[in-house]
Amino acid sequence: MAQLVLGIGMSHSTMVTLDDSLWGEWAAQDATLAILFDTEGQAVTYARLAERARGRYAQQATPQHWKEQYATVRQAVARLAAEVASARLDVLIVVGDDQLELFSFANMPALAIFYGERITSGLWTSRFAMYQRHGQPPAAPLSQRLQRAVAEGYAMDAHREFASAPSFARELLASLIDQGFDVTGVGEMPSCEDSIGLGHAYGAIVTQIMGEQPIPMVPIFVNTYFPPNQPTPSRCYDLGLALHQAIETSPTDLPVGIVASGGLSHFVTDKQLDRQLLTALRAGSEEQLRAIPPKLLNAGSSEIRNLIAVAAASKHLKLGWDEYIPVYRTPAGTGCGMGFACWS
């Protein structure tokens, strides 16, 4: 039988994949975003955020502070990579979200599993073209250097191919359906201009965690980001329990790992929300995880759903360590609460 031997969580923000020398240029985008969500879950403009903050975060939004935080981020990433290497996994399940990369508004499943033979990624620059075609707010122009660094960090600088685990993925899909989940099965990566391929949530795991030892992946897509069909936090917890059962009842003799890609709060850093989640993770509290308010899980903060699912799947393991770095990119309070966790 397969065994789930390792669970991890990793923010996949550009603050993780970019050198801190580029954080300032990336931060310049924040003021151009048409819609942000404040710590009450309400839509708000950057100007309004800045007015409320009154420079409260200015001392934290500095290159010197970012340098210190980036060093902590890199230590946490290296620690996760070492955990994965020492576990000698045969399969890594990656629970992430799709942001107009593989899917579009023409078809945005609440839950999907890729079970095909070939996993391919696309070009990161195409993602912004997709957002613009669907009426999403365009980002400010980026320098070629920054575009290249973002694309490389997400393994979306070229059409790459990653190892898959089709037989095991089919087992998971069938088990989830037996357990009452209506899962979309993705058997191949479409080749058309409106589909980029596997996106940033998965590419970041490849570049930051796998390194020189590629592990066959099973990508699981949770629609955390786009209304109206986002699973509730409670349903994500149920998904984690079902994934645990699907793994442990597989007849295949495999050591399996699972990773939550994404989170914590962003694009407005919300330390209260992040700490609510971390308190629940540390306590192993099903009740608290199910009770995370959906109204606060907007935009990038929505990826907290992936952590809830992986925490449930890993509840038989011990949360050995976690790291939290609240980054403020601007005096208005925009940024990312970056979280890292390991169950073993």
C-alpha atoms as a PDB file:
ATOM      1  CA  MET A   1       0.000   0.000   0.000  1.00  0.00           C
ATOM      2  CA  ALA A   2       1.060   3.587  -0.649  1.00  0.00           C
ATOM      3  CA  GLN A   3       2.005   5.703   2.344  1.00  0.00           C
ATOM      4  CA  LEU A   4       1.720   9.438   2.797  1.00  0.00           C
ATOM      5  CA  VAL A   5       5.033  10.104   4.538  1.00  0.00           C
ATOM      6  CA  LEU A   6       5.480  13.846   4.108  1.00  0.00           C
ATOM      7  CA  GLY A   7       3.316  16.942   3.897  1.00  0.00           C
ATOM      8  CA  ILE A   8       4.618  20.430   3.210  1.00  0.00           C
ATOM      9  CA  GLY A   9       3.276  23.894   2.545  1.00  0.00           C
ATOM     10  CA  MET A  10       5.087  26.630   0.631  1.00  0.00           C
ATOM     11  CA  SER A  11       4.126  30.113  -0.481  1.00  0.00           C
ATOM     12  CA  HIS A  12       4.870  30.539  -4.164  1.00  0.00           C
ATOM     13  CA  SER A  13       4.913  34.334  -4.242  1.00  0.00           C
ATOM     14  CA  THR A  14       7.424  36.074  -6.443  1.00  0.00           C
ATOM     15  CA  MET A  15       8.937  37.157  -3.116  1.00  0.00           C
ATOM     16  CA  VAL A  16      10.054  33.517  -2.847  1.00  0.00           C
ATOM     17  CA  THR A  17      11.384  33.074  -6.361  1.00  0.00           C
ATOM     18  CA  LEU A  18      12.874  36.549  -6.963  1.00  0.00           C
ATOM     19  CA  ASP A  19      16.086  37.864  -5.461  1.00  0.00           C
ATOM     20  CA  ASP A  20      15.332  40.675  -2.991  1.00  0.00           C
ATOM     21  CA  SER A  21      17.088  43.161  -5.295  1.00  0.00           C
ATOM     22  CA  LEU A  22      14.029  42.854  -7.564  1.00  0.00           C
ATOM     23  CA  TRP A  23      11.359  43.207  -4.891  1.00  0.00           C
ATOM     24  CA  GLY A  24      11.149  46.981  -5.274  1.00  0.00           C
ATOM     25  CA  GLU A  25      10.434  46.795  -8.987  1.00  0.00           C
ATOM     26  CA  TRP A  26       7.806  44.131  -8.398  1.00  0.00           C
ATOM     27  CA  ALA A  27       6.244  46.287  -5.650  1.00  0.00           C
ATOM     28  CA  ALA A  28       5.772  49.133  -8.123  1.00  0.00           C
ATOM     29  CA  GLN A  29       2.920  47.122  -9.671  1.00  0.00           C
ATOM     30  CA  ASP A  30       0.796  47.266  -6.548  1.00  0.00           C
ATOM     31  CA  ALA A  31      -0.302  50.868  -7.009  1.00  0.00           C
ATOM     32  CA  THR A  32      -1.519  50.053 -10.546  1.00  0.00           C
ATOM     33  CA  LEU A  33      -3.895  47.251  -9.538  1.00  0.00           C
ATOM     34  CA  ALA A  34      -7.518  48.209 -10.071  1.00  0.00           C
ATOM     35  CA  ILE A  35      -8.860  46.082  -7.204  1.00  0.00           C
ATOM     36  CA  LEU A  36      -7.344  44.920  -3.930  1.00  0.00           C
ATOM     37  CA  PHE A  37      -9.031  43.308  -0.936  1.00  0.00           C
ATOM     38  CA  ASP A  38      -8.532  44.691   2.549  1.00  0.00           C
ATOM     39  CA  THR A  39      -8.311  42.735   5.798  1.00  0.00           C
ATOM     40  CA  GLU A  40     -12.119  42.718   6.055  1.00  0.00           C
ATOM     41  CA  GLY A  41     -12.461  41.078   2.646  1.00  0.00           C
ATOM     42  CA  GLN A  42     -13.778  44.257   1.020  1.00  0.00           C
ATOM     43  CA  ALA A  43     -12.710  45.476  -2.411  1.00  0.00           C
ATOM     44  CA  VAL A  44     -10.606  48.625  -2.137  1.00  0.00           C
ATOM     45  CA  THR A  45      -8.256  50.757  -4.215  1.00  0.00           C
ATOM     46  CA  TYR A  46      -4.559  51.171  -3.525  1.00  0.00           C
ATOM     47  CA  ALA A  47      -5.129  54.866  -2.843  1.00  0.00           C
ATOM     48  CA  ARG A  48      -7.688  54.027  -0.188  1.00  0.00           C
ATOM     49  CA  LEU A  49      -5.324  51.512   1.439  1.00  0.00           C
ATOM     50  CA  ALA A  50      -2.559  54.105   1.514  1.00  0.00           C
ATOM     51  CA  GLU A  51      -4.890  56.664   3.042  1.00  0.00           C
ATOM     52  CA  ARG A  52      -5.890  54.257   5.810  1.00  0.00           C
ATOM     53  CA  ALA A  53      -2.337  53.085   6.497  1.00  0.00           C
ATOM     54  CA  ARG A  54      -0.881  56.600   6.871  1.00  0.00           C
ATOM     55  CA  GLY A  55       2.615  55.223   6.300  1.00  0.00           C
ATOM     56  CA  ARG A  56       2.265  52.593   9.039  1.00  0.00           C
ATOM     57  CA  TYR A  57       4.256  50.028   7.043  1.00  0.00           C
ATOM     58  CA  ALA A  58       6.894  52.359   5.598  1.00  0.00           C
ATOM     59  CA  GLN A  59       9.732  51.131   7.829  1.00  0.00           C
ATOM     60  CA  GLN A  60       9.047  47.531   6.840  1.00  0.00           C
ATOM     61  CA  ALA A  61       8.821  48.270   3.106  1.00  0.00           C
ATOM     62  CA  THR A  62      12.540  48.985   2.697  1.00  0.00           C
ATOM     63  CA  PRO A  63      15.353  47.212   0.830  1.00  0.00           C
ATOM     64  CA  GLN A  64      17.276  46.546   4.052  1.00  0.00           C
ATOM     65  CA  HIS A  65      14.284  44.904   5.726  1.00  0.00           C
ATOM     66  CA  TRP A  66      13.536  42.915   2.565  1.00  0.00           C
ATOM     67  CA  LYS A  67      17.125  41.618   2.498  1.00  0.00           C
ATOM     68  CA  GLU A  68      16.719  40.208   6.019  1.00  0.00           C
ATOM     69  CA  GLN A  69      13.347  38.666   5.170  1.00  0.00           C
ATOM     70  CA  TYR A  70      14.632  37.170   1.939  1.00  0.00           C
ATOM     71  CA  ALA A  71      17.413  35.404   3.846  1.00  0.00           C
ATOM     72  CA  THR A  72      14.760  33.822   6.108  1.00  0.00           C
ATOM     73  CA  VAL A  73      12.699  32.822   3.070  1.00  0.00           C
ATOM     74  CA  ARG A  74      15.662  31.099   1.449  1.00  0.00           C
ATOM     75  CA  GLN A  75      16.463  29.227   4.650  1.00  0.00           C
ATOM     76  CA  ALA A  76      12.878  27.953   4.839  1.00  0.00           C
ATOM     77  CA  VAL A  77      12.877  26.879   1.177  1.00  0.00           C
ATOM     78  CA  ALA A  78      16.195  25.066   1.612  1.00  0.00           C
ATOM     79  CA  ARG A  79      14.819  23.294   4.663  1.00  0.00           C
ATOM     80  CA  LEU A  80      11.752  22.120   2.734  1.00  0.00           C
ATOM     81  CA  ALA A  81      13.910  20.931  -0.156  1.00  0.00           C
ATOM     82  CA  ALA A  82      16.027  18.937   2.306  1.00  0.00           C
ATOM     83  CA  GLU A  83      12.895  17.375   3.828  1.00  0.00           C
ATOM     84  CA  VAL A  84      11.714  16.290   0.382  1.00  0.00           C
ATOM     85  CA  ALA A  85      15.135  14.883  -0.541  1.00  0.00           C
ATOM     86  CA  SER A  86      15.455  12.868   2.665  1.00  0.00           C
ATOM     87  CA  ALA A  87      11.939  11.399   2.279  1.00  0.00           C
ATOM     88  CA  ARG A  88      12.970   9.691  -1.009  1.00  0.00           C
ATOM     89  CA  LEU A  89       9.517  10.129  -2.502  1.00  0.00           C
ATOM     90  CA  ASP A  90       8.266   8.212  -5.510  1.00  0.00           C
ATOM     91  CA  VAL A  91       5.373  10.631  -6.090  1.00  0.00           C
ATOM     92  CA  LEU A  92       4.667  14.225  -5.092  1.00  0.00           C
ATOM     93  CA  ILE A  93       1.050  15.406  -5.111  1.00  0.00           C
ATOM     94  CA  VAL A  94       0.923  19.167  -5.678  1.00  0.00           C
ATOM     95  CA  VAL A  95      -2.268  20.887  -4.529  1.00  0.00           C
ATOM     96  CA  GLY A  96      -2.338  24.262  -6.246  1.00  0.00           C
ATOM     97  CA  ASP A  97      -4.573  26.684  -8.079  1.00  0.00           C
ATOM     98  CA  ASP A  98      -4.805  27.716 -11.699  1.00  0.00           C
ATOM     99  CA  GLN A  99      -4.859  31.387 -12.665  1.00  0.00           C
ATOM    100  CA  LEU A 100      -5.858  31.411 -16.318  1.00  0.00           C
ATOM    101  CA  GLU A 101      -2.987  29.136 -17.260  1.00  0.00           C
ATOM    102  CA  LEU A 102      -4.350  25.670 -18.023  1.00  0.00           C
ATOM    103  CA  PHE A 103      -7.992  26.733 -17.610  1.00  0.00           C
ATOM    104  CA  SER A 104      -9.995  29.787 -18.650  1.00  0.00           C
ATOM    105  CA  PHE A 105     -13.388  31.250 -17.801  1.00  0.00           C
ATOM    106  CA  ALA A 106     -14.796  29.014 -20.528  1.00  0.00           C
ATOM    107  CA  ASN A 107     -14.086  26.091 -18.195  1.00  0.00           C
ATOM    108  CA  MET A 108     -12.982  26.659 -14.597  1.00  0.00           C
ATOM    109  CA  PRO A 109     -13.533  23.421 -12.628  1.00  0.00           C
ATOM    110  CA  ALA A 110     -13.781  23.622  -8.845  1.00  0.00           C
ATOM    111  CA  LEU A 111     -11.569  20.536  -8.566  1.00  0.00           C
ATOM    112  CA  ALA A 112      -9.468  18.695 -11.145  1.00  0.00           C
ATOM    113  CA  ILE A 113      -6.677  16.125 -11.340  1.00  0.00           C
ATOM    114  CA  PHE A 114      -4.182  15.701 -14.160  1.00  0.00           C
ATOM    115  CA  TYR A 115      -3.705  12.025 -15.018  1.00  0.00           C
ATOM    116  CA  GLY A 116      -2.011  12.249 -18.429  1.00  0.00           C
ATOM    117  CA  GLU A 117       1.388  11.038 -19.567  1.00  0.00           C
ATOM    118  CA  ARG A 118       2.951  14.430 -20.373  1.00  0.00           C
ATOM    119  CA  ILE A 119       2.945  17.445 -18.076  1.00  0.00           C
ATOM    120  CA  THR A 120       4.018  20.592 -19.881  1.00  0.00           C
ATOM    121  CA  SER A 121       4.403  24.203 -18.869  1.00  0.00           C
ATOM    122  CA  GLY A 122       4.033  27.263 -20.995  1.00  0.00           C
ATOM    123  CA  LEU A 123       5.318  30.810 -21.155  1.00  0.00           C
ATOM    124  CA  TRP A 124       4.685  33.123 -18.218  1.00  0.00           C
ATOM    125  CA  THR A 125       4.238  36.166 -20.447  1.00  0.00           C
ATOM    126  CA  SER A 126       1.196  34.508 -22.042  1.00  0.00           C
ATOM    127  CA  ARG A 127      -0.538  34.545 -18.660  1.00  0.00           C
ATOM    128  CA  PHE A 128      -0.864  38.326 -18.699  1.00  0.00           C
ATOM    129  CA  ALA A 129      -2.233  38.237 -22.220  1.00  0.00           C
ATOM    130  CA  MET A 130      -4.888  35.834 -20.917  1.00  0.00           C
ATOM    131  CA  TYR A 131      -5.798  38.200 -18.077  1.00  0.00           C
ATOM    132  CA  GLN A 132      -6.128  41.119 -20.481  1.00  0.00           C
ATOM    133  CA  ARG A 133      -8.308  39.150 -22.908  1.00  0.00           C
ATOM    134  CA  HIS A 134     -10.649  38.307 -20.038  1.00  0.00           C
ATOM    135  CA  GLY A 135     -10.891  41.874 -18.772  1.00  0.00           C
ATOM    136  CA  GLN A 136      -8.611  41.465 -15.759  1.00  0.00           C
ATOM    137  CA  PRO A 137      -6.491  44.448 -14.692  1.00  0.00           C
ATOM    138  CA  PRO A 138      -3.162  44.492 -16.532  1.00  0.00           C
ATOM    139  CA  ALA A 139       0.037  44.818 -14.521  1.00  0.00           C
ATOM    140  CA  ALA A 140       2.392  47.727 -14.911  1.00  0.00           C
ATOM    141  CA  PRO A 141       5.077  47.234 -17.568  1.00  0.00           C
ATOM    142  CA  LEU A 142       7.951  45.110 -16.313  1.00  0.00           C
ATOM    143  CA  SER A 143      11.575  45.290 -17.327  1.00  0.00           C
ATOM    144  CA  GLN A 144      12.898  42.427 -19.411  1.00  0.00           C
ATOM    145  CA  ARG A 145      15.190  41.459 -16.532  1.00  0.00           C
ATOM    146  CA  LEU A 146      12.251  41.143 -14.131  1.00  0.00           C
ATOM    147  CA  GLN A 147      10.075  39.290 -16.640  1.00  0.00           C
ATOM    148  CA  ARG A 148      12.870  36.793 -17.231  1.00  0.00           C
ATOM    149  CA  ALA A 149      13.452  36.264 -13.497  1.00  0.00           C
ATOM    150  CA  VAL A 150       9.740  35.705 -12.797  1.00  0.00           C
ATOM    151  CA  ALA A 151       9.418  33.259 -15.695  1.00  0.00           C
ATOM    152  CA  GLU A 152      12.488  31.280 -14.631  1.00  0.00           C
ATOM    153  CA  GLY A 153      11.305  31.099 -11.022  1.00  0.00           C
ATOM    154  CA  TYR A 154       8.025  29.581 -12.149  1.00  0.00           C
ATOM    155  CA  ALA A 155       9.615  27.232 -14.732  1.00  0.00           C
ATOM    156  CA  MET A 156       7.604  29.145 -17.339  1.00  0.00           C
ATOM    157  CA  ASP A 157      10.509  30.585 -19.303  1.00  0.00           C
ATOM    158  CA  ALA A 158      10.193  27.827 -21.924  1.00  0.00           C
ATOM    159  CA  HIS A 159       7.915  24.928 -22.828  1.00  0.00           C
ATOM    160  CA  ARG A 160       9.132  22.469 -20.216  1.00  0.00           C
ATOM    161  CA  GLU A 161       8.073  18.883 -19.567  1.00  0.00           C
ATOM    162  CA  PHE A 162       7.785  17.346 -16.092  1.00  0.00           C
ATOM    163  CA  ALA A 163       7.529  13.747 -14.944  1.00  0.00           C
ATOM    164  CA  SER A 164       3.992  12.523 -14.248  1.00  0.00           C
ATOM    165  CA  ALA A 165       2.456   9.562 -12.400  1.00  0.00           C
ATOM    166  CA  PRO A 166      -0.557   8.691 -14.559  1.00  0.00           C
ATOM    167  CA  SER A 167      -1.495   5.341 -12.979  1.00  0.00           C
ATOM    168  CA  PHE A 168      -1.383   6.715  -9.451  1.00  0.00           C
ATOM    169  CA  ALA A 169      -3.268   9.845 -10.532  1.00  0.00           C
ATOM    170  CA  ARG A 170      -6.047   7.680 -11.975  1.00  0.00           C
ATOM    171  CA  GLU A 171      -6.265   5.799  -8.672  1.00  0.00           C
ATOM    172  CA  LEU A 172      -6.655   9.059  -6.776  1.00  0.00           C
ATOM    173  CA  LEU A 173      -9.272  10.324  -9.204  1.00  0.00           C
ATOM    174  CA  ALA A 174     -11.321   7.124  -8.977  1.00  0.00           C
ATOM    175  CA  SER A 175     -11.104   7.069  -5.185  1.00  0.00           C
ATOM    176  CA  LEU A 176     -12.217  10.681  -4.851  1.00  0.00           C
ATOM    177  CA  ILE A 177     -15.214   9.994  -7.072  1.00  0.00           C
ATOM    178  CA  ASP A 178     -16.072   6.956  -4.949  1.00  0.00           C
ATOM    179  CA  GLN A 179     -15.902   9.223  -1.902  1.00  0.00           C
ATOM    180  CA  GLY A 180     -18.392  11.695  -3.347  1.00  0.00           C
ATOM    181  CA  PHE A 181     -16.160  14.293  -5.050  1.00  0.00           C
ATOM    182  CA  ASP A 182     -17.106  15.246  -8.612  1.00  0.00           C
ATOM    183  CA  VAL A 183     -13.592  15.635  -9.980  1.00  0.00           C
ATOM    184  CA  THR A 184     -12.683  16.896 -13.422  1.00  0.00           C
ATOM    185  CA  GLY A 185     -10.166  14.588 -15.086  1.00  0.00           C
ATOM    186  CA  VAL A 186      -7.511  16.248 -17.242  1.00  0.00           C
ATOM    187  CA  GLY A 187      -5.903  13.666 -19.500  1.00  0.00           C
ATOM    188  CA  GLU A 188      -3.720  15.920 -21.609  1.00  0.00           C
ATOM    189  CA  MET A 189      -2.435  19.450 -21.799  1.00  0.00           C
ATOM    190  CA  PRO A 190      -4.340  21.342 -24.504  1.00  0.00           C
ATOM    191  CA  SER A 191      -2.254  22.937 -27.212  1.00  0.00           C
ATOM    192  CA  CYS A 192      -3.925  26.197 -28.127  1.00  0.00           C
ATOM    193  CA  GLU A 193      -3.273  29.907 -27.625  1.00  0.00           C
ATOM    194  CA  ASP A 194      -5.784  30.116 -24.776  1.00  0.00           C
ATOM    195  CA  SER A 195      -4.018  27.478 -22.673  1.00  0.00           C
ATOM    196  CA  ILE A 196      -0.560  28.037 -21.260  1.00  0.00           C
ATOM    197  CA  GLY A 197      -0.148  24.652 -19.629  1.00  0.00           C
ATOM    198  CA  LEU A 198       0.851  23.908 -16.064  1.00  0.00           C
ATOM    199  CA  GLY A 199       1.176  27.216 -14.239  1.00  0.00           C
ATOM    200  CA  HIS A 200       3.118  29.063 -11.594  1.00  0.00           C
ATOM    201  CA  ALA A 201       1.736  27.168  -8.574  1.00  0.00           C
ATOM    202  CA  TYR A 202       3.365  23.993  -9.869  1.00  0.00           C
ATOM    203  CA  GLY A 203       6.445  25.438 -11.553  1.00  0.00           C
ATOM    204  CA  ALA A 204       7.514  27.089  -8.287  1.00  0.00           C
ATOM    205  CA  ILE A 205       7.573  23.684  -6.586  1.00  0.00           C
ATOM    206  CA  VAL A 206       9.749  22.302  -9.377  1.00  0.00           C
ATOM    207  CA  THR A 207      12.302  25.119  -9.265  1.00  0.00           C
ATOM    208  CA  GLN A 208      12.388  25.686  -5.514  1.00  0.00           C
ATOM    209  CA  ILE A 209      11.861  22.230  -3.985  1.00  0.00           C
ATOM    210  CA  MET A 210      12.799  19.508  -6.461  1.00  0.00           C
ATOM    211  CA  GLY A 211      16.077  20.922  -7.704  1.00  0.00           C
ATOM    212  CA  GLU A 212      18.186  18.290  -9.428  1.00  0.00           C
ATOM    213  CA  GLN A 213      15.957  15.365  -8.403  1.00  0.00           C
ATOM    214  CA  PRO A 214      12.728  15.531 -10.435  1.00  0.00           C
ATOM    215  CA  ILE A 215       9.896  13.618  -8.767  1.00  0.00           C
ATOM    216  CA  PRO A 216       6.838  12.424 -10.701  1.00  0.00           C
ATOM    217  CA  MET A 217       4.002  14.836  -9.954  1.00  0.00           C
ATOM    218  CA  VAL A 218       0.260  14.532  -9.618  1.00  0.00           C
ATOM    219  CA  PRO A 219      -1.126  18.052 -10.081  1.00  0.00           C
ATOM    220  CA  ILE A 220      -4.394  18.686  -8.243  1.00  0.00           C
ATOM    221  CA  PHE A 221      -6.197  21.897  -9.146  1.00  0.00           C
ATOM    222  CA  VAL A 222      -8.412  23.627  -6.583  1.00  0.00           C
ATOM    223  CA  ASN A 223     -10.229  26.691  -7.887  1.00  0.00           C
ATOM    224  CA  THR A 224      -9.297  28.905  -4.982  1.00  0.00           C
ATOM    225  CA  TYR A 225      -9.159  32.127  -6.972  1.00  0.00           C
ATOM    226  CA  PHE A 226     -12.179  32.723  -9.164  1.00  0.00           C
ATOM    227  CA  PRO A 227     -15.832  33.045  -8.036  1.00  0.00           C
ATOM    228  CA  PRO A 228     -18.450  31.689  -8.158  1.00  0.00           C
ATOM    229  CA  ASN A 229     -17.390  28.029  -7.731  1.00  0.00           C
ATOM    230  CA  GLN A 230     -14.656  28.205  -5.081  1.00  0.00           C
ATOM    231  CA  PRO A 231     -14.769  25.325  -2.571  1.00  0.00           C
ATOM    232  CA  THR A 232     -15.364  26.400   1.013  1.00  0.00           C
ATOM    233  CA  PRO A 233     -12.615  25.924   3.606  1.00  0.00           C
ATOM    234  CA  SER A 234     -14.662  23.107   5.132  1.00  0.00           C
ATOM    235  CA  ARG A 235     -14.957  21.367   1.775  1.00  0.00           C
ATOM    236  CA  CYS A 236     -11.199  21.729   1.303  1.00  0.00           C
ATOM    237  CA  TYR A 237     -10.702  19.989   4.640  1.00  0.00           C
ATOM    238  CA  ASP A 238     -12.959  17.183   3.412  1.00  0.00           C
ATOM    239  CA  LEU A 239     -10.849  17.002   0.258  1.00  0.00           C
ATOM    240  CA  GLY A 240      -7.722  16.525   2.352  1.00  0.00           C
ATOM    241  CA  LEU A 241      -9.303  13.692   4.320  1.00  0.00           C
ATOM    242  CA  ALA A 242     -10.420  12.050   1.088  1.00  0.00           C
ATOM    243  CA  LEU A 243      -6.952  12.401  -0.429  1.00  0.00           C
ATOM    244  CA  HIS A 244      -5.440  10.745   2.632  1.00  0.00           C
ATOM    245  CA  GLN A 245      -7.804   7.801   2.246  1.00  0.00           C
ATOM    246  CA  ALA A 246      -7.169   7.601  -1.501  1.00  0.00           C
ATOM    247  CA  ILE A 247      -3.410   7.474  -0.948  1.00  0.00           C
ATOM    248  CA  GLU A 248      -3.408   5.020   1.930  1.00  0.00           C
ATOM    249  CA  THR A 249      -5.763   2.571   0.180  1.00  0.00           C
ATOM    250  CA  SER A 250      -3.780   2.521  -3.060  1.00  0.00           C
ATOM    251  CA  PRO A 251      -2.355  -0.974  -3.670  1.00  0.00           C
ATOM    252  CA  THR A 252       0.800   0.563  -5.109  1.00  0.00           C
ATOM    253  CA  ASP A 253       3.808   0.400  -2.777  1.00  0.00           C
ATOM    254  CA  LEU A 254       4.926   4.038  -2.941  1.00  0.00           C
ATOM    255  CA  PRO A 255       6.214   6.639  -0.470  1.00  0.00           C
ATOM    256  CA  VAL A 256       4.106   9.703  -1.278  1.00  0.00           C
ATOM    257  CA  GLY A 257       4.468  13.370  -0.423  1.00  0.00           C
ATOM    258  CA  ILE A 258       1.895  16.133  -0.696  1.00  0.00           C
ATOM    259  CA  VAL A 259       2.503  19.853  -0.947  1.00  0.00           C
ATOM    260  CA  ALA A 260       0.230  22.876  -0.659  1.00  0.00           C
ATOM    261  CA  SER A 261       1.410  25.535  -3.089  1.00  0.00           C
ATOM    262  CA  GLY A 262       0.405  29.115  -2.345  1.00  0.00           C
ATOM    263  CA  GLY A 263      -0.708  31.536   0.333  1.00  0.00           C
ATOM    264  CA  LEU A 264      -0.651  33.020   2.800  1.00  0.00           C
ATOM    265  CA  SER A 265      -2.392  36.418   2.697  1.00  0.00           C
ATOM    266  CA  HIS A 266      -1.768  38.580  -0.370  1.00  0.00           C
ATOM    267  CA  PHE A 267      -1.908  40.991  -2.145  1.00  0.00           C
ATOM    268  CA  VAL A 268      -2.652  42.863   1.084  1.00  0.00           C
ATOM    269  CA  THR A 269      -0.705  41.362   3.983  1.00  0.00           C
ATOM    270  CA  ASP A 270      -3.116  40.273   6.733  1.00  0.00           C
ATOM    271  CA  LYS A 271      -1.194  39.114   9.786  1.00  0.00           C
ATOM    272  CA  GLN A 272      -4.374  38.426  11.736  1.00  0.00           C
ATOM    273  CA  LEU A 273      -5.663  35.999   9.090  1.00  0.00           C
ATOM    274  CA  ASP A 274      -2.251  34.371   8.716  1.00  0.00           C
ATOM    275  CA  ARG A 275      -1.884  33.876  12.450  1.00  0.00           C
ATOM    276  CA  GLN A 276      -5.395  32.457  12.687  1.00  0.00           C
ATOM    277  CA  LEU A 277      -4.405  29.853  10.122  1.00  0.00           C
ATOM    278  CA  LEU A 278      -1.033  29.095  11.726  1.00  0.00           C
ATOM    279  CA  THR A 279      -2.619  28.716  15.163  1.00  0.00           C
ATOM    280  CA  ALA A 280      -5.052  26.181  13.707  1.00  0.00           C
ATOM    281  CA  LEU A 281      -2.256  24.300  11.916  1.00  0.00           C
ATOM    282  CA  ARG A 282      -0.118  24.121  15.049  1.00  0.00           C
ATOM    283  CA  ALA A 283      -3.048  22.880  17.124  1.00  0.00           C
ATOM    284  CA  GLY A 284      -4.088  20.407  14.432  1.00  0.00           C
ATOM    285  CA  SER A 285      -7.590  21.804  14.923  1.00  0.00           C
ATOM    286  CA  GLU A 286     -10.104  20.569  12.382  1.00  0.00           C
ATOM    287  CA  GLU A 287     -12.745  22.899  13.826  1.00  0.00           C
ATOM    288  CA  GLN A 288     -10.578  25.993  13.459  1.00  0.00           C
ATOM    289  CA  LEU A 289      -9.468  25.128   9.936  1.00  0.00           C
ATOM    290  CA  ARG A 290     -13.019  24.532   8.773  1.00  0.00           C
ATOM    291  CA  ALA A 291     -14.013  27.870  10.305  1.00  0.00           C
ATOM    292  CA  ILE A 292     -11.553  30.082   8.378  1.00  0.00           C
ATOM    293  CA  PRO A 293     -13.885  32.817   6.992  1.00  0.00           C
ATOM    294  CA  PRO A 294     -14.401  32.411   3.218  1.00  0.00           C
ATOM    295  CA  LYS A 295     -15.008  36.165   2.898  1.00  0.00           C
ATOM    296  CA  LEU A 296     -11.312  36.730   3.668  1.00  0.00           C
ATOM    297  CA  LEU A 297     -10.051  34.238   1.071  1.00  0.00           C
ATOM    298  CA  ASN A 298      -9.903  36.548  -1.926  1.00  0.00           C
ATOM    299  CA  ALA A 299      -7.288  36.965  -4.653  1.00  0.00           C
ATOM    300  CA  GLY A 300      -3.974  35.460  -3.515  1.00  0.00           C
ATOM    301  CA  SER A 301      -5.218  34.894   0.039  1.00  0.00           C
ATOM    302  CA  SER A 302      -7.611  32.347  -1.476  1.00  0.00           C
ATOM    303  CA  GLU A 303      -4.695  29.887  -1.768  1.00  0.00           C
ATOM    304  CA  ILE A 304      -4.979  29.262   1.973  1.00  0.00           C
ATOM    305  CA  ARG A 305      -7.558  26.691   0.877  1.00  0.00           C
ATOM    306  CA  ASN A 306      -4.704  24.524  -0.426  1.00  0.00           C
ATOM    307  CA  LEU A 307      -3.016  24.544   2.981  1.00  0.00           C
ATOM    308  CA  ILE A 308      -6.267  23.526   4.662  1.00  0.00           C
ATOM    309  CA  ALA A 309      -6.529  20.508   2.343  1.00  0.00           C
ATOM    310  CA  VAL A 310      -2.933  19.417   2.917  1.00  0.00           C
ATOM    311  CA  ALA A 311      -3.227  19.881   6.687  1.00  0.00           C
ATOM    312  CA  ALA A 312      -6.212  17.517   6.667  1.00  0.00           C
ATOM    313  CA  ALA A 313      -4.426  14.979   4.486  1.00  0.00           C
ATOM    314  CA  SER A 314      -1.400  15.114   6.815  1.00  0.00           C
ATOM    315  CA  LYS A 315      -3.235  14.990  10.144  1.00  0.00           C
ATOM    316  CA  HIS A 316      -1.709  11.561  10.907  1.00  0.00           C
ATOM    317  CA  LEU A 317       1.724  13.220  10.747  1.00  0.00           C
ATOM    318  CA  LYS A 318       3.293  15.709  13.143  1.00  0.00           C
ATOM    319  CA  LEU A 319       3.733  19.368  12.240  1.00  0.00           C
ATOM    320  CA  GLY A 320       7.458  19.437  12.856  1.00  0.00           C
ATOM    321  CA  TRP A 321       8.110  23.099  12.042  1.00  0.00           C
ATOM    322  CA  ASP A 322       6.736  26.178  10.350  1.00  0.00           C
ATOM    323  CA  GLU A 323       8.021  29.614   9.375  1.00  0.00           C
ATOM    324  CA  TYR A 324       6.109  32.844   8.830  1.00  0.00           C
ATOM    325  CA  ILE A 325       7.456  36.000   7.177  1.00  0.00           C
ATOM    326  CA  PRO A 326       5.013  38.926   6.772  1.00  0.00           C
ATOM    327  CA  VAL A 327       6.349  41.008   3.892  1.00  0.00           C
ATOM    328  CA  TYR A 328       5.160  44.553   3.228  1.00  0.00           C
ATOM    329  CA  ARG A 329       6.036  45.723  -0.244  1.00  0.00           C
ATOM    330  CA  THR A 330       4.630  49.237   0.135  1.00  0.00           C
ATOM    331  CA  PRO A 331       3.744  51.717   2.908  1.00  0.00           C
ATOM    332  CA  ALA A 332       0.077  51.000   2.060  1.00  0.00           C
ATOM    333  CA  GLY A 333       0.387  47.443   3.404  1.00  0.00           C
ATOM    334  CA  THR A 334       0.432  45.515   0.157  1.00  0.00           C
ATOM    335  CA  GLY A 335       2.627  42.444   0.142  1.00  0.00           C
ATOM    336  CA  CYS A 336       2.485  38.792   1.088  1.00  0.00           C
ATOM    337  CA  GLY A 337       2.388  36.777   4.276  1.00  0.00           C
ATOM    338  CA  MET A 338       4.763  33.957   3.349  1.00  0.00           C
ATOM    339  CA  GLY A 339       4.353  30.661   5.107  1.00  0.00           C
ATOM    340  CA  PHE A 340       6.273  27.382   5.134  1.00  0.00           C
ATOM    341  CA  ALA A 341       5.345  24.204   7.000  1.00  0.00           C
ATOM    342  CA  CYS A 342       6.351  20.558   7.222  1.00  0.00           C
ATOM    343  CA  TRP A 343       4.460  17.514   8.511  1.00  0.00           C
ATOM    344  CA  SER A 344       6.456  14.300   8.857  1.00  0.00           C
END
